[in-house]
Every structure is written in C-alpha cells, then in structure tokens.
Amino acid sequence: MFDIEELLREYDRARAYTDQLWTDLAPDEVLWRPHDDSSAIGWHVGHQAHVAHFMVRNLTAAEPSPDPALDALMDSATPERGRGQLPELERLSAFRAAVAESVHRRMTDISEGRVGAPRQLAVVAGHLLTTIINHEYQHDRWIGEVRARDLGRPLPDAPDSDKITRVDGYLMVCAPS
C-alpha cells in the first residue's frame, strides 16, 4: 500500500485531471444532460466531491458537509431524473475545493498521528484514499466520454504517474502486489 502522503499527491493529480476535463467547457456544456436518464458533467463533478466528503466523514471524522444543500442532489441514491437542477459552476468549484481541503487536513492529521488509534486510522486512510482516487477516475471516464463523443471536445492526456494503471479502460491507482 502507498503511504498517505503519496496518496494525497495522487488525489491531487486525479482532481487536476478532472479539472482538465470540465473547466474549459461552457456552462451550458457542463450542465447539459444527454437525456433524462443520465447525469450532466456538472453532476459528476459534484458527486466526486460529495463521495469523498461522505467517506472521510463517515470513516474517519464527523465533519459537517461544506454545502449541505448539495448533499441529496449529489448522492448517487438520487434517481438520475432528479439530478437536473445543478448549482452554478462557481459553487461546484468551491464545493470541490472545500472537500479537497478537508480531505487533506484529515489525512494529514492521520498521517502525523494527531488522531486516536493512529495506526488503525492510517490503514483505513490508505484504503480510503485509494478508493476516493479510483472513484474520481471512474467518473472521469464518463465525463471524458461525454466530452469527446457528445461535445466533440478533445481529451487531455492521461495523468503521468507510475502509480496509475488502466483496468477495463478506467484509470486506477493500484498498490504494488
């Protein structure tokens, strides 16, 4: 397993790749839904952050959501037809940034032993960060498909890291076996 600091760098790399997939798009492209039973790119961008916050909150720290009004909307339990009223892009960006800051803060506290049960939480944090990163890349695949296929936009180069591989076409961080 990779250490927490390595995984935080990979988390930042995954988030930067996501940003390359959506920040150059026009607002109507980010909010556009191919059909009622699909989600807009903007939903996936918010969902990535929502899941990261939810996992860190529930597995390592009871922190409140940085934007509670987005929680139900960005939850995958919300049927796709109910994911249409997305917030403005600045709010999505702020939500993503706040969650990333929280992830970094909590994971650093764990890495530096400023938590109860520091060794146990370090194991949890390693698996948790790997899952968060791979979830980010999972949604990047869909964002990239819509970007290229439906919007006719070129895809950025995949992130360059010796910790990333492809599994079934999805980018993933996989610990050495």
N, C-alpha and C. Protein backbone atom coordinates (compact mmCIF):
# COMPACT_ATOMS: atom_id res chain seq x y z
N MET A 1 0.85 -1.18 0.00
CA MET A 1 0.00 0.00 0.00
C MET A 1 0.89 1.25 0.00
N PHE A 2 0.44 2.28 -0.66
CA PHE A 2 1.17 3.54 -0.68
C PHE A 2 0.94 4.28 0.63
N ASP A 3 1.87 5.17 0.97
CA ASP A 3 1.66 5.94 2.20
C ASP A 3 0.71 7.10 1.93
N ILE A 4 0.24 7.70 2.99
CA ILE A 4 -0.79 8.74 2.89
C ILE A 4 -0.31 9.93 2.07
N GLU A 5 0.93 10.34 2.27
CA GLU A 5 1.43 11.50 1.51
C GLU A 5 1.45 11.21 0.01
N GLU A 6 1.89 10.00 -0.37
CA GLU A 6 1.87 9.62 -1.79
C GLU A 6 0.45 9.64 -2.33
N LEU A 7 -0.47 9.11 -1.55
CA LEU A 7 -1.85 9.06 -2.00
C LEU A 7 -2.48 10.45 -2.08
N LEU A 8 -2.10 11.35 -1.20
CA LEU A 8 -2.62 12.73 -1.31
C LEU A 8 -2.12 13.38 -2.60
N ARG A 9 -0.88 13.09 -2.98
CA ARG A 9 -0.39 13.62 -4.26
C ARG A 9 -1.18 13.02 -5.43
N GLU A 10 -1.50 11.74 -5.33
CA GLU A 10 -2.30 11.10 -6.38
C GLU A 10 -3.72 11.64 -6.40
N TYR A 11 -4.26 11.94 -5.23
CA TYR A 11 -5.58 12.55 -5.14
C TYR A 11 -5.57 13.90 -5.86
N ASP A 12 -4.56 14.70 -5.60
CA ASP A 12 -4.45 15.99 -6.27
C ASP A 12 -4.30 15.82 -7.78
N ARG A 13 -3.54 14.82 -8.18
CA ARG A 13 -3.34 14.55 -9.62
C ARG A 13 -4.69 14.15 -10.26
N ALA A 14 -5.45 13.31 -9.58
CA ALA A 14 -6.76 12.90 -10.10
C ALA A 14 -7.71 14.09 -10.20
N ARG A 15 -7.71 14.93 -9.18
CA ARG A 15 -8.59 16.11 -9.21
C ARG A 15 -8.17 17.08 -10.32
N ALA A 16 -6.86 17.23 -10.52
CA ALA A 16 -6.38 18.10 -11.59
C ALA A 16 -6.81 17.57 -12.96
N TYR A 17 -6.78 16.25 -13.11
CA TYR A 17 -7.24 15.65 -14.37
C TYR A 17 -8.73 15.92 -14.58
N THR A 18 -9.50 15.75 -13.52
CA THR A 18 -10.94 16.07 -13.61
C THR A 18 -11.12 17.52 -14.06
N ASP A 19 -10.37 18.42 -13.46
CA ASP A 19 -10.49 19.83 -13.82
C ASP A 19 -10.15 20.07 -15.29
N GLN A 20 -9.18 19.31 -15.83
CA GLN A 20 -8.87 19.44 -17.25
C GLN A 20 -10.03 18.98 -18.12
N LEU A 21 -10.84 18.10 -17.59
CA LEU A 21 -11.97 17.57 -18.37
C LEU A 21 -13.16 18.52 -18.41
N TRP A 22 -13.27 19.42 -17.44
CA TRP A 22 -14.51 20.21 -17.41
C TRP A 22 -14.33 21.71 -17.33
N THR A 23 -13.23 22.23 -16.82
CA THR A 23 -13.17 23.68 -16.56
C THR A 23 -13.07 24.53 -17.83
N ASP A 24 -12.71 23.93 -18.96
CA ASP A 24 -12.67 24.72 -20.19
C ASP A 24 -13.99 24.68 -20.95
N LEU A 25 -14.95 23.94 -20.44
CA LEU A 25 -16.25 23.84 -21.10
C LEU A 25 -17.14 25.03 -20.74
N ALA A 26 -18.03 25.35 -21.63
CA ALA A 26 -19.01 26.41 -21.38
C ALA A 26 -20.01 25.91 -20.32
N PRO A 27 -20.58 26.82 -19.54
CA PRO A 27 -21.55 26.38 -18.53
C PRO A 27 -22.67 25.51 -19.09
N ASP A 28 -23.18 25.84 -20.26
CA ASP A 28 -24.27 25.02 -20.80
C ASP A 28 -23.79 23.61 -21.15
N GLU A 29 -22.50 23.44 -21.49
CA GLU A 29 -21.97 22.11 -21.76
C GLU A 29 -21.83 21.30 -20.46
N VAL A 30 -21.42 21.97 -19.39
CA VAL A 30 -21.25 21.29 -18.10
C VAL A 30 -22.60 20.89 -17.52
N LEU A 31 -23.63 21.67 -17.79
CA LEU A 31 -24.95 21.41 -17.22
C LEU A 31 -25.86 20.60 -18.14
N TRP A 32 -25.42 20.36 -19.36
CA TRP A 32 -26.21 19.64 -20.36
C TRP A 32 -26.29 18.15 -20.02
N ARG A 33 -27.49 17.59 -20.19
CA ARG A 33 -27.71 16.16 -19.96
C ARG A 33 -28.04 15.51 -21.30
N PRO A 34 -27.31 14.46 -21.67
CA PRO A 34 -27.60 13.78 -22.93
C PRO A 34 -29.04 13.30 -23.03
N HIS A 35 -29.64 12.90 -21.92
CA HIS A 35 -31.07 12.54 -21.86
C HIS A 35 -31.47 12.50 -20.39
N ASP A 36 -32.78 12.37 -20.14
CA ASP A 36 -33.29 12.44 -18.77
C ASP A 36 -32.74 11.37 -17.84
N ASP A 37 -32.34 10.24 -18.39
CA ASP A 37 -31.82 9.15 -17.57
C ASP A 37 -30.29 9.14 -17.55
N SER A 38 -29.71 10.30 -17.62
CA SER A 38 -28.26 10.43 -17.49
C SER A 38 -27.98 11.70 -16.67
N SER A 39 -26.77 11.83 -16.26
CA SER A 39 -26.39 12.98 -15.44
C SER A 39 -25.45 13.89 -16.21
N ALA A 40 -25.55 15.17 -15.94
CA ALA A 40 -24.68 16.16 -16.57
C ALA A 40 -23.26 16.02 -16.03
N ILE A 41 -22.31 16.52 -16.79
CA ILE A 41 -20.92 16.54 -16.33
C ILE A 41 -20.85 17.22 -14.97
N GLY A 42 -21.59 18.30 -14.80
CA GLY A 42 -21.57 19.02 -13.53
C GLY A 42 -22.02 18.17 -12.36
N TRP A 43 -22.97 17.26 -12.59
CA TRP A 43 -23.38 16.37 -11.51
C TRP A 43 -22.21 15.45 -11.11
N HIS A 44 -21.53 14.91 -12.10
CA HIS A 44 -20.40 14.01 -11.79
C HIS A 44 -19.31 14.74 -11.03
N VAL A 45 -19.05 15.97 -11.40
CA VAL A 45 -18.03 16.78 -10.73
C VAL A 45 -18.42 17.00 -9.26
N GLY A 46 -19.67 17.32 -9.01
CA GLY A 46 -20.12 17.49 -7.63
C GLY A 46 -20.19 16.17 -6.88
N HIS A 47 -20.59 15.11 -7.57
CA HIS A 47 -20.69 13.79 -6.96
C HIS A 47 -19.33 13.28 -6.50
N GLN A 48 -18.30 13.50 -7.29
CA GLN A 48 -16.96 13.07 -6.90
C GLN A 48 -16.60 13.66 -5.53
N ALA A 49 -16.83 14.94 -5.38
CA ALA A 49 -16.51 15.61 -4.11
C ALA A 49 -17.44 15.13 -3.00
N HIS A 50 -18.71 14.97 -3.31
CA HIS A 50 -19.67 14.52 -2.30
C HIS A 50 -19.25 13.17 -1.72
N VAL A 51 -18.88 12.24 -2.58
CA VAL A 51 -18.48 10.91 -2.11
C VAL A 51 -17.21 10.99 -1.28
N ALA A 52 -16.24 11.80 -1.72
CA ALA A 52 -15.01 11.94 -0.93
C ALA A 52 -15.33 12.46 0.46
N HIS A 53 -16.16 13.49 0.54
CA HIS A 53 -16.53 14.03 1.85
C HIS A 53 -17.27 12.99 2.68
N PHE A 54 -18.23 12.35 2.06
CA PHE A 54 -19.06 11.37 2.77
C PHE A 54 -18.21 10.24 3.34
N MET A 55 -17.27 9.74 2.55
CA MET A 55 -16.43 8.64 3.02
C MET A 55 -15.50 9.08 4.15
N VAL A 56 -14.86 10.22 3.99
CA VAL A 56 -13.96 10.71 5.05
C VAL A 56 -14.76 11.00 6.31
N ARG A 57 -15.91 11.64 6.14
CA ARG A 57 -16.74 11.98 7.29
C ARG A 57 -17.18 10.73 8.04
N ASN A 58 -17.63 9.73 7.34
CA ASN A 58 -18.19 8.56 7.99
C ASN A 58 -17.15 7.56 8.48
N LEU A 59 -15.96 7.58 7.93
CA LEU A 59 -14.96 6.60 8.31
C LEU A 59 -13.85 7.15 9.19
N THR A 60 -13.67 8.47 9.21
CA THR A 60 -12.54 9.00 10.00
C THR A 60 -12.88 10.22 10.85
N ALA A 61 -13.87 10.99 10.50
CA ALA A 61 -14.15 12.23 11.23
C ALA A 61 -15.58 12.68 10.97
N ALA A 62 -16.26 13.09 11.99
CA ALA A 62 -17.65 13.54 11.85
C ALA A 62 -17.69 15.02 11.52
N GLU A 63 -17.27 15.37 10.31
CA GLU A 63 -17.28 16.77 9.88
C GLU A 63 -18.57 17.08 9.14
N PRO A 64 -19.11 18.27 9.33
CA PRO A 64 -20.30 18.64 8.57
C PRO A 64 -19.96 18.86 7.09
N SER A 65 -20.95 18.73 6.26
CA SER A 65 -20.76 18.97 4.83
C SER A 65 -20.40 20.44 4.58
N PRO A 66 -19.51 20.70 3.62
CA PRO A 66 -19.22 22.09 3.29
C PRO A 66 -20.38 22.79 2.58
N ASP A 67 -21.35 22.03 2.07
CA ASP A 67 -22.52 22.60 1.40
C ASP A 67 -23.67 21.60 1.53
N PRO A 68 -24.33 21.57 2.70
CA PRO A 68 -25.38 20.56 2.95
C PRO A 68 -26.50 20.57 1.92
N ALA A 69 -26.77 21.70 1.31
CA ALA A 69 -27.84 21.78 0.32
C ALA A 69 -27.53 20.93 -0.92
N LEU A 70 -26.26 20.61 -1.15
CA LEU A 70 -25.90 19.79 -2.30
C LEU A 70 -25.90 18.29 -2.01
N ASP A 71 -25.97 17.92 -0.74
CA ASP A 71 -25.80 16.52 -0.38
C ASP A 71 -26.78 15.59 -1.08
N ALA A 72 -28.06 15.83 -1.00
CA ALA A 72 -29.04 14.93 -1.62
C ALA A 72 -28.91 14.94 -3.15
N LEU A 73 -28.69 16.11 -3.72
CA LEU A 73 -28.57 16.22 -5.17
C LEU A 73 -27.39 15.42 -5.71
N MET A 74 -26.26 15.45 -5.01
CA MET A 74 -25.04 14.81 -5.49
C MET A 74 -24.91 13.35 -5.07
N ASP A 75 -25.89 12.85 -4.35
CA ASP A 75 -25.86 11.46 -3.90
C ASP A 75 -26.32 10.56 -5.04
N SER A 76 -25.61 9.48 -5.28
CA SER A 76 -25.99 8.57 -6.36
C SER A 76 -27.31 7.86 -6.06
N ALA A 77 -27.78 7.91 -4.81
CA ALA A 77 -29.09 7.33 -4.48
C ALA A 77 -30.23 8.18 -5.04
N THR A 78 -29.95 9.42 -5.41
CA THR A 78 -30.95 10.27 -6.05
C THR A 78 -31.11 9.79 -7.49
N PRO A 79 -32.31 9.40 -7.89
CA PRO A 79 -32.51 8.92 -9.26
C PRO A 79 -32.03 9.96 -10.28
N GLU A 80 -31.51 9.46 -11.40
CA GLU A 80 -30.94 10.35 -12.40
C GLU A 80 -31.92 11.42 -12.88
N ARG A 81 -33.18 11.10 -12.96
CA ARG A 81 -34.16 12.11 -13.40
C ARG A 81 -34.23 13.27 -12.40
N GLY A 82 -33.81 13.06 -11.16
CA GLY A 82 -33.84 14.11 -10.14
C GLY A 82 -32.55 14.89 -10.00
N ARG A 83 -31.65 14.73 -10.96
CA ARG A 83 -30.34 15.38 -10.88
C ARG A 83 -30.21 16.56 -11.83
N GLY A 84 -31.31 17.19 -12.16
CA GLY A 84 -31.29 18.21 -13.19
C GLY A 84 -30.99 19.63 -12.74
N GLN A 85 -31.35 20.01 -11.53
CA GLN A 85 -31.18 21.39 -11.08
C GLN A 85 -29.83 21.57 -10.39
N LEU A 86 -28.81 21.71 -11.19
CA LEU A 86 -27.46 21.85 -10.65
C LEU A 86 -27.14 23.30 -10.31
N PRO A 87 -26.27 23.50 -9.34
CA PRO A 87 -25.89 24.87 -8.99
C PRO A 87 -24.94 25.45 -10.04
N GLU A 88 -24.68 26.73 -9.92
CA GLU A 88 -23.75 27.39 -10.83
C GLU A 88 -22.35 26.78 -10.65
N LEU A 89 -21.54 26.93 -11.69
CA LEU A 89 -20.23 26.28 -11.72
C LEU A 89 -19.29 26.78 -10.62
N GLU A 90 -19.41 28.05 -10.24
CA GLU A 90 -18.55 28.57 -9.17
C GLU A 90 -18.84 27.84 -7.85
N ARG A 91 -20.10 27.53 -7.63
CA ARG A 91 -20.45 26.81 -6.40
C ARG A 91 -19.92 25.38 -6.44
N LEU A 92 -20.00 24.74 -7.60
CA LEU A 92 -19.43 23.40 -7.73
C LEU A 92 -17.93 23.42 -7.49
N SER A 93 -17.26 24.40 -8.06
CA SER A 93 -15.81 24.53 -7.84
C SER A 93 -15.48 24.76 -6.38
N ALA A 94 -16.24 25.61 -5.73
CA ALA A 94 -16.00 25.90 -4.31
C ALA A 94 -16.24 24.65 -3.46
N PHE A 95 -17.27 23.89 -3.80
CA PHE A 95 -17.57 22.65 -3.09
C PHE A 95 -16.42 21.66 -3.23
N ARG A 96 -15.93 21.49 -4.46
CA ARG A 96 -14.81 20.58 -4.69
C ARG A 96 -13.57 21.04 -3.92
N ALA A 97 -13.30 22.31 -3.93
CA ALA A 97 -12.12 22.83 -3.23
C ALA A 97 -12.24 22.63 -1.72
N ALA A 98 -13.42 22.89 -1.18
CA ALA A 98 -13.62 22.74 0.27
C ALA A 98 -13.46 21.28 0.69
N VAL A 99 -14.00 20.36 -0.11
CA VAL A 99 -13.85 18.95 0.21
C VAL A 99 -12.39 18.53 0.12
N ALA A 100 -11.70 18.95 -0.91
CA ALA A 100 -10.28 18.59 -1.06
C ALA A 100 -9.46 19.10 0.13
N GLU A 101 -9.75 20.32 0.56
CA GLU A 101 -9.05 20.87 1.72
C GLU A 101 -9.32 20.03 2.97
N SER A 102 -10.55 19.61 3.14
CA SER A 102 -10.93 18.78 4.28
C SER A 102 -10.25 17.42 4.22
N VAL A 103 -10.23 16.81 3.03
CA VAL A 103 -9.56 15.52 2.86
C VAL A 103 -8.09 15.65 3.23
N HIS A 104 -7.44 16.68 2.71
CA HIS A 104 -6.02 16.89 3.02
C HIS A 104 -5.80 17.09 4.52
N ARG A 105 -6.63 17.90 5.12
CA ARG A 105 -6.48 18.20 6.56
C ARG A 105 -6.61 16.93 7.39
N ARG A 106 -7.66 16.16 7.12
CA ARG A 106 -7.90 14.96 7.92
C ARG A 106 -6.85 13.88 7.66
N MET A 107 -6.48 13.68 6.41
CA MET A 107 -5.48 12.66 6.09
C MET A 107 -4.11 13.04 6.65
N THR A 108 -3.80 14.32 6.66
CA THR A 108 -2.53 14.77 7.24
C THR A 108 -2.55 14.57 8.75
N ASP A 109 -3.66 14.87 9.40
CA ASP A 109 -3.78 14.59 10.84
C ASP A 109 -3.55 13.10 11.12
N ILE A 110 -4.11 12.26 10.29
CA ILE A 110 -3.92 10.82 10.47
C ILE A 110 -2.47 10.44 10.24
N SER A 111 -1.89 10.94 9.16
CA SER A 111 -0.50 10.62 8.83
C SER A 111 0.47 11.04 9.92
N GLU A 112 0.18 12.17 10.55
CA GLU A 112 1.06 12.70 11.59
C GLU A 112 0.68 12.24 12.99
N GLY A 113 -0.28 11.32 13.08
CA GLY A 113 -0.63 10.72 14.36
C GLY A 113 -1.44 11.60 15.29
N ARG A 114 -2.08 12.64 14.77
CA ARG A 114 -2.88 13.55 15.60
C ARG A 114 -4.33 13.08 15.70
N VAL A 115 -4.52 11.78 15.88
CA VAL A 115 -5.85 11.18 15.98
C VAL A 115 -5.78 10.06 17.01
N GLY A 116 -6.95 9.64 17.51
CA GLY A 116 -6.99 8.44 18.33
C GLY A 116 -6.76 7.24 17.42
N ALA A 117 -6.16 6.21 17.93
CA ALA A 117 -5.86 4.99 17.17
C ALA A 117 -5.13 5.31 15.86
N PRO A 118 -3.98 5.97 15.94
CA PRO A 118 -3.31 6.45 14.74
C PRO A 118 -2.88 5.35 13.76
N ARG A 119 -2.43 4.22 14.24
CA ARG A 119 -2.01 3.16 13.31
C ARG A 119 -3.22 2.54 12.61
N GLN A 120 -4.29 2.34 13.35
CA GLN A 120 -5.50 1.79 12.75
C GLN A 120 -6.05 2.75 11.70
N LEU A 121 -6.13 4.03 12.04
CA LEU A 121 -6.65 5.01 11.08
C LEU A 121 -5.72 5.19 9.89
N ALA A 122 -4.43 4.97 10.05
CA ALA A 122 -3.51 5.05 8.91
C ALA A 122 -3.83 3.96 7.88
N VAL A 123 -4.17 2.77 8.36
CA VAL A 123 -4.56 1.70 7.44
C VAL A 123 -5.87 2.07 6.74
N VAL A 124 -6.83 2.54 7.52
CA VAL A 124 -8.12 2.96 6.95
C VAL A 124 -7.88 4.07 5.92
N ALA A 125 -7.06 5.05 6.28
CA ALA A 125 -6.82 6.20 5.39
C ALA A 125 -6.19 5.77 4.07
N GLY A 126 -5.29 4.82 4.09
CA GLY A 126 -4.67 4.35 2.85
C GLY A 126 -5.70 3.73 1.91
N HIS A 127 -6.54 2.87 2.45
CA HIS A 127 -7.58 2.25 1.63
C HIS A 127 -8.62 3.29 1.20
N LEU A 128 -8.95 4.17 2.10
CA LEU A 128 -9.95 5.20 1.82
C LEU A 128 -9.49 6.12 0.69
N LEU A 129 -8.25 6.61 0.77
CA LEU A 129 -7.74 7.49 -0.28
C LEU A 129 -7.66 6.77 -1.62
N THR A 130 -7.25 5.52 -1.61
CA THR A 130 -7.20 4.76 -2.86
C THR A 130 -8.60 4.67 -3.47
N THR A 131 -9.59 4.42 -2.66
CA THR A 131 -10.97 4.34 -3.14
C THR A 131 -11.46 5.69 -3.66
N ILE A 132 -11.16 6.75 -2.94
CA ILE A 132 -11.58 8.10 -3.37
C ILE A 132 -10.95 8.45 -4.72
N ILE A 133 -9.67 8.15 -4.88
CA ILE A 133 -8.97 8.43 -6.14
C ILE A 133 -9.60 7.62 -7.27
N ASN A 134 -9.81 6.34 -7.03
CA ASN A 134 -10.36 5.49 -8.09
C ASN A 134 -11.80 5.88 -8.43
N HIS A 135 -12.53 6.36 -7.45
CA HIS A 135 -13.89 6.87 -7.72
C HIS A 135 -13.81 8.12 -8.59
N GLU A 136 -12.86 8.99 -8.30
CA GLU A 136 -12.66 10.19 -9.13
C GLU A 136 -12.42 9.78 -10.59
N TYR A 137 -11.51 8.84 -10.78
CA TYR A 137 -11.20 8.38 -12.14
C TYR A 137 -12.38 7.64 -12.78
N GLN A 138 -13.17 6.94 -11.99
CA GLN A 138 -14.34 6.25 -12.52
C GLN A 138 -15.27 7.26 -13.19
N HIS A 139 -15.53 8.37 -12.53
CA HIS A 139 -16.42 9.38 -13.11
C HIS A 139 -15.72 10.18 -14.20
N ASP A 140 -14.41 10.28 -14.13
CA ASP A 140 -13.68 10.94 -15.21
C ASP A 140 -13.88 10.22 -16.54
N ARG A 141 -13.98 8.92 -16.48
CA ARG A 141 -14.21 8.14 -17.70
C ARG A 141 -15.51 8.58 -18.36
N TRP A 142 -16.59 8.68 -17.57
CA TRP A 142 -17.87 9.10 -18.13
C TRP A 142 -17.81 10.54 -18.62
N ILE A 143 -17.22 11.41 -17.81
CA ILE A 143 -17.08 12.81 -18.22
C ILE A 143 -16.34 12.89 -19.55
N GLY A 144 -15.25 12.12 -19.65
CA GLY A 144 -14.46 12.12 -20.88
C GLY A 144 -15.24 11.61 -22.07
N GLU A 145 -16.07 10.60 -21.86
CA GLU A 145 -16.88 10.07 -22.97
C GLU A 145 -17.85 11.12 -23.47
N VAL A 146 -18.52 11.81 -22.57
CA VAL A 146 -19.47 12.85 -22.98
C VAL A 146 -18.71 14.01 -23.63
N ARG A 147 -17.60 14.38 -23.04
CA ARG A 147 -16.78 15.48 -23.59
C ARG A 147 -16.38 15.18 -25.04
N ALA A 148 -15.86 13.98 -25.28
CA ALA A 148 -15.36 13.65 -26.62
C ALA A 148 -16.48 13.29 -27.58
N ARG A 149 -17.34 12.36 -27.18
CA ARG A 149 -18.37 11.83 -28.08
C ARG A 149 -19.49 12.83 -28.35
N ASP A 150 -20.03 13.42 -27.28
CA ASP A 150 -21.21 14.26 -27.44
C ASP A 150 -20.88 15.73 -27.69
N LEU A 151 -19.80 16.21 -27.08
CA LEU A 151 -19.46 17.62 -27.22
C LEU A 151 -18.36 17.85 -28.26
N GLY A 152 -17.74 16.77 -28.75
CA GLY A 152 -16.70 16.90 -29.78
C GLY A 152 -15.45 17.60 -29.30
N ARG A 153 -15.18 17.53 -28.02
CA ARG A 153 -14.00 18.18 -27.44
C ARG A 153 -12.88 17.16 -27.27
N PRO A 154 -11.63 17.58 -27.51
CA PRO A 154 -10.51 16.65 -27.33
C PRO A 154 -10.31 16.33 -25.84
N LEU A 155 -9.76 15.16 -25.61
CA LEU A 155 -9.45 14.75 -24.24
C LEU A 155 -8.02 15.16 -23.89
N PRO A 156 -7.81 15.57 -22.66
CA PRO A 156 -6.43 15.84 -22.22
C PRO A 156 -5.67 14.51 -22.09
N ASP A 157 -4.37 14.59 -22.07
CA ASP A 157 -3.57 13.40 -21.83
C ASP A 157 -3.87 12.86 -20.44
N ALA A 158 -3.81 11.56 -20.32
CA ALA A 158 -4.00 10.93 -19.01
C ALA A 158 -2.87 11.37 -18.08
N PRO A 159 -3.14 11.40 -16.80
CA PRO A 159 -2.10 11.79 -15.84
C PRO A 159 -0.90 10.86 -15.95
N ASP A 160 0.26 11.42 -15.68
CA ASP A 160 1.51 10.66 -15.75
C ASP A 160 1.95 10.31 -14.34
N SER A 161 1.82 9.04 -13.99
CA SER A 161 2.23 8.57 -12.68
C SER A 161 2.51 7.08 -12.75
N ASP A 162 3.55 6.65 -12.08
CA ASP A 162 3.85 5.22 -12.04
C ASP A 162 2.90 4.47 -11.11
N LYS A 163 2.00 5.18 -10.46
CA LYS A 163 1.03 4.56 -9.55
C LYS A 163 -0.33 4.34 -10.23
N ILE A 164 -0.45 4.81 -11.47
CA ILE A 164 -1.71 4.70 -12.20
C ILE A 164 -1.59 3.63 -13.27
N THR A 165 -2.65 2.84 -13.38
CA THR A 165 -2.76 1.85 -14.43
C THR A 165 -4.16 1.93 -15.00
N ARG A 166 -4.43 1.15 -16.02
CA ARG A 166 -5.79 1.07 -16.57
C ARG A 166 -6.33 -0.33 -16.30
N VAL A 167 -7.58 -0.36 -15.84
CA VAL A 167 -8.29 -1.61 -15.62
C VAL A 167 -9.64 -1.47 -16.30
N ASP A 168 -9.90 -2.33 -17.28
CA ASP A 168 -11.14 -2.26 -18.06
C ASP A 168 -11.34 -0.87 -18.66
N GLY A 169 -10.25 -0.20 -19.00
CA GLY A 169 -10.32 1.12 -19.61
C GLY A 169 -10.37 2.28 -18.63
N TYR A 170 -10.47 1.98 -17.34
CA TYR A 170 -10.54 3.01 -16.30
C TYR A 170 -9.17 3.25 -15.70
N LEU A 171 -8.81 4.52 -15.50
CA LEU A 171 -7.60 4.83 -14.75
C LEU A 171 -7.82 4.41 -13.31
N MET A 172 -6.77 3.85 -12.70
CA MET A 172 -6.85 3.43 -11.31
C MET A 172 -5.48 3.53 -10.64
N VAL A 173 -5.51 3.86 -9.37
CA VAL A 173 -4.32 3.75 -8.54
C VAL A 173 -4.36 2.35 -7.95
N CYS A 174 -3.32 1.59 -8.20
CA CYS A 174 -3.24 0.23 -7.68
C CYS A 174 -1.92 0.06 -6.96
N ALA A 175 -2.01 -0.36 -5.71
CA ALA A 175 -0.80 -0.60 -4.93
C ALA A 175 -0.05 -1.78 -5.52
N PRO A 176 1.28 -1.74 -5.44
CA PRO A 176 2.05 -2.89 -5.94
C PRO A 176 1.67 -4.16 -5.19
N SER A 177 1.66 -5.27 -5.90
CA SER A 177 1.28 -6.52 -5.23
C SER A 177 2.48 -7.28 -4.73
